[in-house]
Every structure is written in C-alpha cells, then in structure tokens.
Amino acid sequence: MKSLVRWGTTLGLVGSTLLVTAIAGIAPVIALSEQQIKSKLDNIPVWLITNPQGLPLSRPLSEENGKQAAGSVTGVYMSQQEAQAFIAELRNVKDKDPKTTQMVKSLQATPVPLGVIFEQVQKTKNEPNRLLFAFKPIDKEVKGAMELLKKNGEQVKQFRSVPVFIVRFAPDKSYVPIKLGDQKAEQEVVPLFFSMQDAQNLLNQVQPKFPKADIQVVDVDGILNTLQEKNDPWLDKVVFFPNPEARQYIQKLPQENPPKSTPAPAKKK
C-alpha cells in the first residue's frame, strides 16, 4: 500500500484551483504505457474480500454450454463499507459445515491499489484459468450516473460498470482542467472523479463563466481502453480522484515523512 501512503501525504499538501482555459498547444503524446496507467490507478484504493493471508474470496465461473468454464471471479469493491456489509451478510447465512463457518468468520475487507488490479489483469489476460475481477460500484454513484444520462436524453436501463464523471466546458468542448499543488509547483491536470458530487463541485465553479458546462458520464472500462489505445494529448494529464469514502481512508494512513506544516490551498484563478 506504499502508493496509497504517498497519496495520503499528497492529499495533505494539495490545494486545487480552477483553470478556466481549454487545454491547447500540448505536444502530441503516444498512448500511455501499462506502467503509466498503473501509476495513475495506484491513487485509488479498492477493497477485496480476502482471508487473513490475503487470498481473495472467489467462485468458479458459470457453466457454458453445459461445461464448467475455466477460471474464477472475485469482487472488487469501490466502497469499504459495502465490502464489509457483504461480509456481514455472509456471516448471517446459516451453514452446517463448521469449516465454512470458520472460513467466513475470518474474512476481511482488504485494501488494494486499483493499479495492482489493472496490472494483474494485464499479466493474466491470456491465461485460461485466470482470476477475473468483477467491479462492485457504489450504489449511489450508479444511481447518479443513470440520472445524468437520462437527463441528457440517453436511454439507459442499467449501468454495468464503475461510473467516472468528467466536467466539460460544453458538450462539444474540451474537458475542464484544474491546477494542483502550491504556487511554486503547480501542475495542470484533467480530473476524473469517482464521485458525482466532486464533479458537481467543480461544475459549480465553471458554470458562472461557461453556462453550457456539463458533466459527462463514462465507464471506467472505456477510460482504460482509451488510455491504452488513443494518442490524445490530454490523456497524459489525467488524474483519477478517489471518492470521499476512499479519501477518508487514505487520510488515515500513516504518512511517509509527513510535513511539519500544511501549506494553504492555492488561490482560485
């Protein structure tokens, strides 16, 4: 979890400001490498349900055409609370097998950087008996994503992935960048939010000057495919922002060489 520890230190230092200019004049870049993508995803904690040794709870894949499919699947939770709630449900199920009962009692919600999940998927994608990861998005965020999509005229009955929220200057314009860090080391980034409320907060800052600004809803799978396949220059500036629950978890982590004092947030532009 060292990457999350480092991110915890960063959260204590960072102030964000609105940069109300479109991204332009950036030198072209090639599609990001797997290591670059992993580094971006390492900022996001997710939770697996594991035994005390860290082995994920998994189940065999469903049968296909009457034959047992190879491989198994485990859940990846975007919320620690929802992972713990699922463990509680399992413990409430009555089972006569004492070994199963003891196994369920030992289960725990184990935090893992999302980048580690991405790395494992890439390493084992061609293995027939690989462990698949089924993402469990936060119910509130899925509901918010569907409401936004319907508001924009899209017919959506179900959102099958983890929603990501991005603020645009307008539906046909570029994404809104922000600046992170203090004035001596400001960094321009394009924020991708796992929380609709975080995206709404940025939108509230943008709309007075850009009334047509809105929030685009995409799924995390599509974002990862874009990072791997496209050469768009803005992709190098993408930063994923954890949801509020995940941020609270990160902020409680022991910091590596914590600062003696926290600089004031950067001023709005």
Protein backbone atom coordinates (compact mmCIF):
# COMPACT_ATOMS: atom_id res chain seq x y z
CA MET A 1 0.00 0.00 0.00
CA LYS A 2 3.01 2.32 -0.30
CA SER A 3 1.43 4.12 -3.25
CA LEU A 4 -1.62 4.93 -1.13
CA VAL A 5 0.60 6.14 1.69
CA ARG A 6 2.31 8.53 -0.70
CA TRP A 7 -1.09 9.71 -1.95
CA GLY A 8 -2.13 10.32 1.65
CA THR A 9 0.82 12.65 2.01
CA THR A 10 -0.12 14.40 -1.22
CA LEU A 11 -3.70 14.97 -0.06
CA GLY A 12 -2.35 16.86 2.92
CA LEU A 13 -0.40 19.22 0.68
CA VAL A 14 -2.60 19.75 -2.33
CA GLY A 15 -4.92 22.65 -2.96
CA SER A 16 -6.87 22.75 -6.23
CA THR A 17 -7.82 25.75 -8.32
CA LEU A 18 -9.94 26.14 -11.38
CA LEU A 19 -8.08 26.74 -14.61
CA VAL A 20 -10.65 28.28 -16.93
CA THR A 21 -8.81 27.79 -20.18
CA ALA A 22 -9.13 24.95 -22.63
CA ILE A 23 -6.19 22.60 -22.96
CA ALA A 24 -4.35 23.58 -26.10
CA GLY A 25 -0.88 23.65 -27.53
CA ILE A 26 0.18 20.46 -25.76
CA ALA A 27 2.81 18.42 -27.56
CA PRO A 28 1.40 15.18 -29.02
CA VAL A 29 1.99 12.05 -26.97
CA ILE A 30 1.70 8.36 -27.70
CA ALA A 31 -0.75 6.08 -25.91
CA LEU A 32 0.21 5.57 -22.29
CA SER A 33 2.22 2.52 -21.30
CA GLU A 34 0.78 -0.06 -18.91
CA GLN A 35 3.13 1.20 -16.20
CA GLN A 36 1.96 4.79 -16.68
CA ILE A 37 -1.67 3.70 -16.44
CA LYS A 38 -0.91 1.63 -13.34
CA SER A 39 0.72 4.65 -11.71
CA LYS A 40 -2.42 6.72 -12.30
CA LEU A 41 -4.66 3.97 -10.88
CA ASP A 42 -2.45 3.43 -7.83
CA ASN A 43 -4.03 6.58 -6.38
CA ILE A 44 -7.36 4.76 -5.99
CA PRO A 45 -7.94 2.26 -3.16
CA VAL A 46 -10.37 -0.60 -3.77
CA TRP A 47 -11.30 -3.48 -1.49
CA LEU A 48 -11.15 -7.24 -1.98
CA ILE A 49 -12.74 -9.75 0.37
CA THR A 50 -9.89 -11.99 1.49
CA ASN A 51 -8.79 -14.41 4.17
CA PRO A 52 -6.15 -13.25 6.70
CA GLN A 53 -3.39 -14.34 4.29
CA GLY A 54 -4.74 -12.04 1.56
CA LEU A 55 -6.21 -14.75 -0.69
CA PRO A 56 -9.34 -13.32 -2.38
CA LEU A 57 -12.72 -14.95 -1.89
CA SER A 58 -13.70 -16.25 -5.33
CA ARG A 59 -16.19 -18.53 -7.04
CA PRO A 60 -15.93 -20.63 -10.22
CA LEU A 61 -17.26 -19.10 -13.40
CA SER A 62 -20.71 -20.20 -14.55
CA GLU A 63 -21.11 -23.12 -16.91
CA GLU A 64 -21.05 -22.50 -20.65
CA ASN A 65 -22.97 -24.90 -22.91
CA GLY A 66 -23.16 -27.44 -20.12
CA LYS A 67 -19.43 -27.33 -19.41
CA GLN A 68 -17.72 -25.76 -16.42
CA ALA A 69 -15.89 -22.63 -17.56
CA ALA A 70 -12.23 -22.25 -16.65
CA GLY A 71 -11.14 -19.62 -14.16
CA SER A 72 -12.86 -17.92 -11.25
CA VAL A 73 -14.15 -14.48 -10.31
CA THR A 74 -13.79 -12.23 -7.27
CA GLY A 75 -15.48 -8.97 -6.34
CA VAL A 76 -13.67 -5.62 -6.32
CA TYR A 77 -15.46 -3.06 -4.16
CA MET A 78 -15.16 0.70 -4.63
CA SER A 79 -16.51 1.13 -1.08
CA GLN A 80 -15.01 -0.38 2.07
CA GLN A 81 -18.38 -0.10 3.80
CA GLU A 82 -20.14 -2.07 1.06
CA ALA A 83 -17.44 -4.76 1.16
CA GLN A 84 -17.86 -5.06 4.92
CA ALA A 85 -21.65 -5.18 4.53
CA PHE A 86 -21.31 -8.14 2.15
CA ILE A 87 -19.10 -9.95 4.68
CA ALA A 88 -21.76 -9.34 7.33
CA GLU A 89 -24.39 -10.88 5.03
CA LEU A 90 -22.24 -13.98 4.55
CA ARG A 91 -21.82 -14.35 8.31
CA ASN A 92 -25.58 -14.24 8.80
CA VAL A 93 -26.08 -17.21 6.47
CA LYS A 94 -26.54 -20.40 8.48
CA ASP A 95 -24.21 -23.19 7.33
CA LYS A 96 -23.91 -26.61 8.93
CA ASP A 97 -20.33 -27.07 7.74
CA PRO A 98 -18.06 -25.86 10.59
CA LYS A 99 -15.16 -25.31 8.16
CA THR A 100 -17.27 -22.95 6.06
CA THR A 101 -18.47 -21.13 9.16
CA GLN A 102 -14.90 -20.68 10.37
CA MET A 103 -13.75 -19.52 6.93
CA VAL A 104 -16.48 -16.87 6.75
CA LYS A 105 -15.59 -15.62 10.24
CA SER A 106 -12.02 -14.96 9.08
CA LEU A 107 -12.96 -12.89 6.01
CA GLN A 108 -11.91 -9.25 5.88
CA ALA A 109 -12.08 -6.26 3.53
CA THR A 110 -8.51 -5.81 2.30
CA PRO A 111 -7.47 -2.54 0.59
CA VAL A 112 -5.52 -2.79 -2.66
CA PRO A 113 -4.46 -0.03 -5.10
CA LEU A 114 -6.56 -0.18 -8.25
CA GLY A 115 -3.30 -0.18 -10.21
CA VAL A 116 -2.46 -3.60 -8.77
CA ILE A 117 -5.76 -4.98 -10.09
CA PHE A 118 -5.06 -3.47 -13.51
CA GLU A 119 -1.55 -4.96 -13.52
CA GLN A 120 -2.85 -8.42 -12.61
CA VAL A 121 -5.47 -8.28 -15.37
CA GLN A 122 -2.81 -7.40 -17.94
CA LYS A 123 -0.44 -10.16 -16.79
CA THR A 124 -3.04 -12.93 -16.86
CA LYS A 125 -5.35 -11.85 -19.71
CA ASN A 126 -4.26 -14.77 -21.92
CA GLU A 127 -4.37 -17.43 -19.20
CA PRO A 128 -7.44 -19.71 -19.36
CA ASN A 129 -7.59 -20.26 -15.58
CA ARG A 130 -7.09 -16.63 -14.64
CA LEU A 131 -8.85 -14.86 -11.80
CA LEU A 132 -11.39 -12.37 -13.13
CA PHE A 133 -12.31 -9.20 -11.25
CA ALA A 134 -15.96 -8.13 -11.04
CA PHE A 135 -16.19 -4.49 -10.01
CA LYS A 136 -18.84 -3.50 -7.48
CA PRO A 137 -19.58 0.21 -7.97
CA ILE A 138 -21.07 2.34 -5.22
CA ASP A 139 -24.86 2.22 -5.50
CA LYS A 140 -25.26 5.98 -5.01
CA GLU A 141 -22.80 6.78 -7.81
CA VAL A 142 -24.50 4.38 -10.22
CA LYS A 143 -27.87 5.98 -9.48
CA GLY A 144 -26.41 9.45 -10.03
CA ALA A 145 -24.78 8.36 -13.30
CA MET A 146 -28.04 6.96 -14.65
CA GLU A 147 -29.93 10.12 -13.70
CA LEU A 148 -27.38 12.26 -15.54
CA LEU A 149 -27.51 10.06 -18.63
CA LYS A 150 -31.31 10.15 -18.72
CA LYS A 151 -31.22 13.91 -18.22
CA ASN A 152 -29.02 14.12 -21.33
CA GLY A 153 -31.59 12.15 -23.32
CA GLU A 154 -29.89 8.75 -23.26
CA GLN A 155 -31.97 5.61 -22.80
CA VAL A 156 -30.28 3.68 -20.01
CA LYS A 157 -31.79 0.73 -18.15
CA GLN A 158 -28.66 -0.43 -16.36
CA PHE A 159 -25.12 0.84 -15.77
CA ARG A 160 -22.88 -2.23 -15.74
CA SER A 161 -19.55 -0.67 -14.81
CA VAL A 162 -17.97 1.83 -12.42
CA PRO A 163 -19.03 5.36 -13.42
CA VAL A 164 -16.47 8.12 -13.88
CA PHE A 165 -17.52 11.78 -14.03
CA ILE A 166 -15.72 14.42 -16.12
CA VAL A 167 -16.56 18.13 -16.35
CA ARG A 168 -16.65 19.71 -19.82
CA PHE A 169 -16.82 23.37 -20.87
CA ALA A 170 -19.76 22.30 -23.07
CA PRO A 171 -20.98 19.03 -24.64
CA ASP A 172 -18.89 19.72 -27.75
CA LYS A 173 -15.92 21.32 -25.96
CA SER A 174 -12.84 20.11 -24.11
CA TYR A 175 -12.60 18.88 -20.54
CA VAL A 176 -12.05 21.36 -17.72
CA PRO A 177 -8.53 21.16 -16.26
CA ILE A 178 -7.54 22.23 -12.77
CA LYS A 179 -4.26 23.11 -11.10
CA LEU A 180 -2.90 21.05 -8.23
CA GLY A 181 -0.19 21.96 -5.76
CA ASP A 182 1.12 25.20 -4.34
CA GLN A 183 2.10 28.18 -6.48
CA LYS A 184 5.73 27.09 -6.74
CA ALA A 185 4.88 23.64 -8.09
CA GLU A 186 1.51 23.88 -9.77
CA GLN A 187 0.55 21.04 -12.06
CA GLU A 188 -2.20 21.19 -14.67
CA VAL A 189 -4.34 18.05 -14.70
CA VAL A 190 -7.64 16.78 -16.09
CA PRO A 191 -9.64 15.42 -13.13
CA LEU A 192 -11.63 12.21 -13.48
CA PHE A 193 -13.92 11.79 -10.50
CA PHE A 194 -15.31 8.60 -8.99
CA SER A 195 -17.78 10.82 -7.10
CA MET A 196 -20.55 12.73 -8.89
CA GLN A 197 -20.63 15.26 -6.05
CA ASP A 198 -16.95 16.08 -6.58
CA ALA A 199 -17.66 16.66 -10.28
CA GLN A 200 -20.67 18.81 -9.36
CA ASN A 201 -18.49 20.95 -7.08
CA LEU A 202 -16.14 21.68 -9.98
CA LEU A 203 -19.08 22.31 -12.32
CA ASN A 204 -20.44 24.89 -9.87
CA GLN A 205 -17.17 26.82 -10.22
CA VAL A 206 -17.16 26.62 -14.01
CA GLN A 207 -20.75 27.48 -14.90
CA PRO A 208 -20.73 31.20 -13.99
CA LYS A 209 -18.28 31.79 -16.88
CA PHE A 210 -19.27 28.79 -19.02
CA PRO A 211 -23.07 28.35 -18.73
CA LYS A 212 -23.10 25.35 -21.10
CA ALA A 213 -20.61 23.40 -19.00
CA ASP A 214 -21.81 19.93 -18.01
CA ILE A 215 -20.76 16.57 -16.57
CA GLN A 216 -20.02 13.67 -18.89
CA VAL A 217 -20.55 10.16 -17.53
CA VAL A 218 -18.27 7.41 -18.80
CA ASP A 219 -17.42 3.95 -17.51
CA VAL A 220 -14.00 3.10 -16.13
CA ASP A 221 -13.53 0.32 -18.70
CA GLY A 222 -13.91 2.80 -21.53
CA ILE A 223 -11.43 5.17 -19.88
CA LEU A 224 -8.84 2.40 -19.51
CA ASN A 225 -9.29 1.36 -23.15
CA THR A 226 -8.82 4.97 -24.22
CA LEU A 227 -5.65 5.33 -22.13
CA GLN A 228 -4.22 2.20 -23.74
CA GLU A 229 -5.23 2.82 -27.34
CA LYS A 230 -5.56 6.54 -28.06
CA ASN A 231 -2.90 9.19 -28.65
CA ASP A 232 -4.95 12.16 -27.45
CA PRO A 233 -2.62 14.67 -25.74
CA TRP A 234 -4.92 15.29 -22.76
CA LEU A 235 -4.63 11.68 -21.60
CA ASP A 236 -1.18 12.26 -20.14
CA LYS A 237 -2.70 14.86 -17.80
CA VAL A 238 -5.48 12.63 -16.50
CA VAL A 239 -5.66 12.23 -12.71
CA PHE A 240 -8.19 9.93 -11.02
CA PHE A 241 -9.74 11.34 -7.85
CA PRO A 242 -10.95 8.87 -5.18
CA ASN A 243 -14.48 9.07 -3.86
CA PRO A 244 -14.98 10.74 -0.43
CA GLU A 245 -15.02 7.45 1.49
CA ALA A 246 -11.75 6.38 -0.13
CA ARG A 247 -10.19 9.78 0.61
CA GLN A 248 -11.08 9.42 4.27
CA TYR A 249 -9.39 6.03 4.30
CA ILE A 250 -6.26 7.44 2.62
CA GLN A 251 -6.03 10.37 5.00
CA LYS A 252 -5.96 7.98 7.97
CA LEU A 253 -2.96 6.09 6.59
CA PRO A 254 0.42 6.74 8.24
CA GLN A 255 2.24 9.33 6.15
CA GLU A 256 5.78 8.89 4.87
CA ASN A 257 7.82 11.83 6.18
CA PRO A 258 4.74 13.96 6.98
CA PRO A 259 5.21 17.71 6.51
CA LYS A 260 5.75 19.89 9.57
CA SER A 261 3.03 22.24 8.39
CA THR A 262 0.37 22.17 5.70
CA PRO A 263 0.59 24.94 3.08
CA ALA A 264 -2.52 26.98 2.45
CA PRO A 265 -4.63 25.90 -0.55
CA ALA A 266 -3.80 27.60 -3.82
CA LYS A 267 -5.92 30.60 -4.72
CA LYS A 268 -8.55 30.50 -7.44
CA LYS A 269 -7.54 31.81 -10.80
